[in-house]
């Protein structure tokens, strides 16, 4: 669900979850892990750059900030210190279940495209170029085994 790293005050969210969770209940959050191990999460900006599309200037922190700040052990310790009984950390490298670049670009633009204003302004030709660039980036990543 990739949400905890997007919440402006993640500590407040963690504390509130611990407060309202019933005994024996389960909380599950997703955060983006190590940026160097999460190449498919960076496909869209790389493809936009390759197509000469200006990427929006990031006014907020990186979506990778929690992993950079805490690491696996630090995140586990943080959650345990807030009253959770156990914490399991695992890494997911692919943000979408797909087998090739074309399938990825179709799903990615369907899921994410409407949330990125600049993508709504692209011509049909530029959108097609972007789709090809995304598919190419993903194919290179998948064929490298990452």
C-alpha atoms as a PDB file:
ATOM      1  CA  UNK A   1       0.000   0.000   0.000  1.00  0.00           C
ATOM      2  CA  UNK A   2       3.080   2.238  -0.081  1.00  0.00           C
ATOM      3  CA  UNK A   3       1.689   4.864   2.216  1.00  0.00           C
ATOM      4  CA  UNK A   4       3.740   5.347   5.371  1.00  0.00           C
ATOM      5  CA  UNK A   5       6.562   7.185   3.610  1.00  0.00           C
ATOM      6  CA  UNK A   6       4.009   9.577   2.067  1.00  0.00           C
ATOM      7  CA  UNK A   7       2.366  10.636   5.335  1.00  0.00           C
ATOM      8  CA  UNK A   8       3.767  14.007   6.456  1.00  0.00           C
ATOM      9  CA  UNK A   9       4.050  12.897  10.107  1.00  0.00           C
ATOM     10  CA  UNK A  10       4.721   9.167  10.038  1.00  0.00           C
ATOM     11  CA  UNK A  11       5.379   9.081  13.796  1.00  0.00           C
ATOM     12  CA  UNK A  12       1.882  10.405  14.480  1.00  0.00           C
ATOM     13  CA  UNK A  13       0.428   7.715  12.193  1.00  0.00           C
ATOM     14  CA  UNK A  14       2.438   4.981  13.903  1.00  0.00           C
ATOM     15  CA  UNK A  15       1.393   6.159  17.381  1.00  0.00           C
ATOM     16  CA  UNK A  16      -2.279   6.424  16.382  1.00  0.00           C
ATOM     17  CA  UNK A  17      -2.220   2.963  14.829  1.00  0.00           C
ATOM     18  CA  UNK A  18      -0.705   1.506  18.003  1.00  0.00           C
ATOM     19  CA  UNK A  19      -3.370   3.292  20.052  1.00  0.00           C
ATOM     20  CA  UNK A  20      -6.411   2.025  18.134  1.00  0.00           C
ATOM     21  CA  UNK A  21      -5.201  -1.445  17.172  1.00  0.00           C
ATOM     22  CA  UNK A  22      -6.946  -4.216  19.080  1.00  0.00           C
ATOM     23  CA  UNK A  23      -4.777  -6.670  21.004  1.00  0.00           C
ATOM     24  CA  UNK A  24      -3.521  -9.288  18.568  1.00  0.00           C
ATOM     25  CA  UNK A  25      -4.382  -7.015  15.626  1.00  0.00           C
ATOM     26  CA  UNK A  26      -2.088  -6.553  12.655  1.00  0.00           C
ATOM     27  CA  UNK A  27      -0.892  -3.349  11.038  1.00  0.00           C
ATOM     28  CA  UNK A  28       0.794  -3.462   7.657  1.00  0.00           C
ATOM     29  CA  UNK A  29       2.634  -0.599   5.994  1.00  0.00           C
ATOM     30  CA  UNK A  30       4.699  -0.369   2.931  1.00  0.00           C
ATOM     31  CA  UNK A  31       7.658   1.919   2.428  1.00  0.00           C
ATOM     32  CA  UNK A  32      10.058   2.183  -0.437  1.00  0.00           C
ATOM     33  CA  UNK A  33      13.298   0.430   0.434  1.00  0.00           C
ATOM     34  CA  UNK A  34      16.854   1.076  -0.687  1.00  0.00           C
ATOM     35  CA  UNK A  35      16.800   3.220  -3.818  1.00  0.00           C
ATOM     36  CA  UNK A  36      19.656   1.303  -5.457  1.00  0.00           C
ATOM     37  CA  UNK A  37      17.666  -1.941  -5.078  1.00  0.00           C
ATOM     38  CA  UNK A  38      14.370  -0.459  -6.307  1.00  0.00           C
ATOM     39  CA  UNK A  39      15.131   0.361  -9.926  1.00  0.00           C
ATOM     40  CA  UNK A  40      11.571  -0.051 -11.202  1.00  0.00           C
ATOM     41  CA  UNK A  41      10.331   2.664  -8.840  1.00  0.00           C
ATOM     42  CA  UNK A  42      12.507   5.155 -10.741  1.00  0.00           C
ATOM     43  CA  UNK A  43      11.439   4.160 -14.255  1.00  0.00           C
ATOM     44  CA  UNK A  44       9.037   7.033 -14.893  1.00  0.00           C
ATOM     45  CA  UNK A  45      11.455   9.886 -14.095  1.00  0.00           C
ATOM     46  CA  UNK A  46      14.207   8.194 -16.140  1.00  0.00           C
ATOM     47  CA  UNK A  47      11.871   7.712 -19.115  1.00  0.00           C
ATOM     48  CA  UNK A  48      10.598  11.292 -18.866  1.00  0.00           C
ATOM     49  CA  UNK A  49      14.170  12.570 -18.873  1.00  0.00           C
ATOM     50  CA  UNK A  50      15.014  10.393 -21.902  1.00  0.00           C
ATOM     51  CA  UNK A  51      12.042  11.919 -23.744  1.00  0.00           C
ATOM     52  CA  UNK A  52      12.999  15.482 -22.843  1.00  0.00           C
ATOM     53  CA  UNK A  53      10.005  15.915 -20.528  1.00  0.00           C
ATOM     54  CA  UNK A  54      10.756  18.124 -17.557  1.00  0.00           C
ATOM     55  CA  UNK A  55      10.179  16.267 -14.332  1.00  0.00           C
ATOM     56  CA  UNK A  56       8.488  18.275 -11.603  1.00  0.00           C
ATOM     57  CA  UNK A  57      10.877  19.773  -9.091  1.00  0.00           C
ATOM     58  CA  UNK A  58      10.526  17.797  -5.902  1.00  0.00           C
ATOM     59  CA  UNK A  59       9.307  20.119  -3.158  1.00  0.00           C
ATOM     60  CA  UNK A  60       9.021  17.333  -0.647  1.00  0.00           C
ATOM     61  CA  UNK A  61      11.302  14.645   0.644  1.00  0.00           C
ATOM     62  CA  UNK A  62      12.216  11.555  -1.346  1.00  0.00           C
ATOM     63  CA  UNK A  63       9.861   8.574  -1.167  1.00  0.00           C
ATOM     64  CA  UNK A  64      12.932   6.625  -0.044  1.00  0.00           C
ATOM     65  CA  UNK A  65      13.413   8.808   3.066  1.00  0.00           C
ATOM     66  CA  UNK A  66      12.284   6.280   5.681  1.00  0.00           C
ATOM     67  CA  UNK A  67      14.694   3.590   4.522  1.00  0.00           C
ATOM     68  CA  UNK A  68      17.498   6.157   4.364  1.00  0.00           C
ATOM     69  CA  UNK A  69      16.647   7.475   7.831  1.00  0.00           C
ATOM     70  CA  UNK A  70      16.005   4.239   9.719  1.00  0.00           C
ATOM     71  CA  UNK A  71      17.178   1.251   7.708  1.00  0.00           C
ATOM     72  CA  UNK A  72      15.581  -2.132   8.367  1.00  0.00           C
ATOM     73  CA  UNK A  73      16.826  -2.511  11.937  1.00  0.00           C
ATOM     74  CA  UNK A  74      15.986   1.068  12.887  1.00  0.00           C
ATOM     75  CA  UNK A  75      12.471   0.762  11.491  1.00  0.00           C
ATOM     76  CA  UNK A  76      11.944  -2.492  13.366  1.00  0.00           C
ATOM     77  CA  UNK A  77      13.208  -0.916  16.628  1.00  0.00           C
ATOM     78  CA  UNK A  78      11.017   2.148  16.095  1.00  0.00           C
ATOM     79  CA  UNK A  79       7.846   0.097  15.683  1.00  0.00           C
ATOM     80  CA  UNK A  80       8.660  -2.165  18.632  1.00  0.00           C
ATOM     81  CA  UNK A  81       9.345   0.906  20.804  1.00  0.00           C
ATOM     82  CA  UNK A  82       5.876   2.232  19.960  1.00  0.00           C
ATOM     83  CA  UNK A  83       4.183  -0.865  21.363  1.00  0.00           C
ATOM     84  CA  UNK A  84       3.906  -3.272  18.453  1.00  0.00           C
ATOM     85  CA  UNK A  85       4.542  -6.887  19.476  1.00  0.00           C
ATOM     86  CA  UNK A  86       6.577  -7.831  16.432  1.00  0.00           C
ATOM     87  CA  UNK A  87       7.760  -6.293  13.209  1.00  0.00           C
ATOM     88  CA  UNK A  88       8.668  -8.050  10.010  1.00  0.00           C
ATOM     89  CA  UNK A  89      10.579  -6.171   7.334  1.00  0.00           C
ATOM     90  CA  UNK A  90      10.883  -7.474   3.787  1.00  0.00           C
ATOM     91  CA  UNK A  91      11.750  -5.920   0.450  1.00  0.00           C
ATOM     92  CA  UNK A  92       9.750  -5.810  -2.763  1.00  0.00           C
ATOM     93  CA  UNK A  93      11.679  -4.721  -5.845  1.00  0.00           C
ATOM     94  CA  UNK A  94       8.860  -4.588  -8.364  1.00  0.00           C
ATOM     95  CA  UNK A  95       6.041  -2.158  -7.830  1.00  0.00           C
ATOM     96  CA  UNK A  96       3.720  -3.940 -10.280  1.00  0.00           C
ATOM     97  CA  UNK A  97       3.259  -7.578 -11.182  1.00  0.00           C
ATOM     98  CA  UNK A  98       4.305  -7.691 -14.824  1.00  0.00           C
ATOM     99  CA  UNK A  99       6.379  -9.820 -17.128  1.00  0.00           C
ATOM    100  CA  UNK A 100       7.545  -7.269 -19.670  1.00  0.00           C
ATOM    101  CA  UNK A 101       8.034  -3.592 -20.313  1.00  0.00           C
ATOM    102  CA  UNK A 102       4.885  -3.087 -22.356  1.00  0.00           C
ATOM    103  CA  UNK A 103       2.667  -4.561 -19.656  1.00  0.00           C
ATOM    104  CA  UNK A 104       4.457  -2.441 -17.037  1.00  0.00           C
ATOM    105  CA  UNK A 105       4.021   0.840 -18.921  1.00  0.00           C
ATOM    106  CA  UNK A 106       0.328   0.147 -19.503  1.00  0.00           C
ATOM    107  CA  UNK A 107      -0.321  -0.589 -15.826  1.00  0.00           C
ATOM    108  CA  UNK A 108       1.985   2.141 -14.520  1.00  0.00           C
ATOM    109  CA  UNK A 109       0.445   4.914 -16.586  1.00  0.00           C
ATOM    110  CA  UNK A 110      -3.043   3.668 -15.740  1.00  0.00           C
ATOM    111  CA  UNK A 111      -2.313   3.677 -12.010  1.00  0.00           C
ATOM    112  CA  UNK A 112       0.031   6.659 -11.703  1.00  0.00           C
ATOM    113  CA  UNK A 113      -0.547   8.723 -14.816  1.00  0.00           C
ATOM    114  CA  UNK A 114      -3.643  10.534 -13.602  1.00  0.00           C
ATOM    115  CA  UNK A 115      -1.778  11.714 -10.486  1.00  0.00           C
ATOM    116  CA  UNK A 116       0.990  13.480 -12.400  1.00  0.00           C
ATOM    117  CA  UNK A 117      -0.336  16.708 -13.923  1.00  0.00           C
ATOM    118  CA  UNK A 118       2.414  17.087 -16.520  1.00  0.00           C
ATOM    119  CA  UNK A 119       1.466  13.743 -18.092  1.00  0.00           C
ATOM    120  CA  UNK A 120      -2.034  15.076 -18.812  1.00  0.00           C
ATOM    121  CA  UNK A 121      -0.541  17.853 -20.943  1.00  0.00           C
ATOM    122  CA  UNK A 122       1.463  15.619 -23.290  1.00  0.00           C
ATOM    123  CA  UNK A 123       0.538  15.280 -26.935  1.00  0.00           C
ATOM    124  CA  UNK A 124      -0.495  11.863 -28.221  1.00  0.00           C
ATOM    125  CA  UNK A 125       2.866  11.614 -29.979  1.00  0.00           C
ATOM    126  CA  UNK A 126       4.841  12.487 -26.827  1.00  0.00           C
ATOM    127  CA  UNK A 127       2.752  10.061 -24.756  1.00  0.00           C
ATOM    128  CA  UNK A 128       3.601   7.310 -27.242  1.00  0.00           C
ATOM    129  CA  UNK A 129       7.286   8.196 -27.013  1.00  0.00           C
ATOM    130  CA  UNK A 130       7.073   8.076 -23.213  1.00  0.00           C
ATOM    131  CA  UNK A 131       5.341   4.695 -23.296  1.00  0.00           C
ATOM    132  CA  UNK A 132       8.155   3.286 -25.458  1.00  0.00           C
ATOM    133  CA  UNK A 133      10.799   4.778 -23.172  1.00  0.00           C
ATOM    134  CA  UNK A 134       9.154   3.298 -20.046  1.00  0.00           C
ATOM    135  CA  UNK A 135       8.891  -0.114 -21.715  1.00  0.00           C
ATOM    136  CA  UNK A 136      12.547   0.083 -22.750  1.00  0.00           C
ATOM    137  CA  UNK A 137      13.723   1.041 -19.243  1.00  0.00           C
ATOM    138  CA  UNK A 138      11.751  -1.839 -17.740  1.00  0.00           C
ATOM    139  CA  UNK A 139      12.991  -4.346 -20.327  1.00  0.00           C
ATOM    140  CA  UNK A 140      16.609  -3.368 -19.547  1.00  0.00           C
ATOM    141  CA  UNK A 141      15.954  -3.797 -15.827  1.00  0.00           C
ATOM    142  CA  UNK A 142      14.134  -7.110 -16.159  1.00  0.00           C
ATOM    143  CA  UNK A 143      16.696  -8.566 -18.556  1.00  0.00           C
ATOM    144  CA  UNK A 144      19.477  -7.697 -16.086  1.00  0.00           C
ATOM    145  CA  UNK A 145      17.716  -9.816 -13.459  1.00  0.00           C
ATOM    146  CA  UNK A 146      16.960  -6.890 -11.183  1.00  0.00           C
END
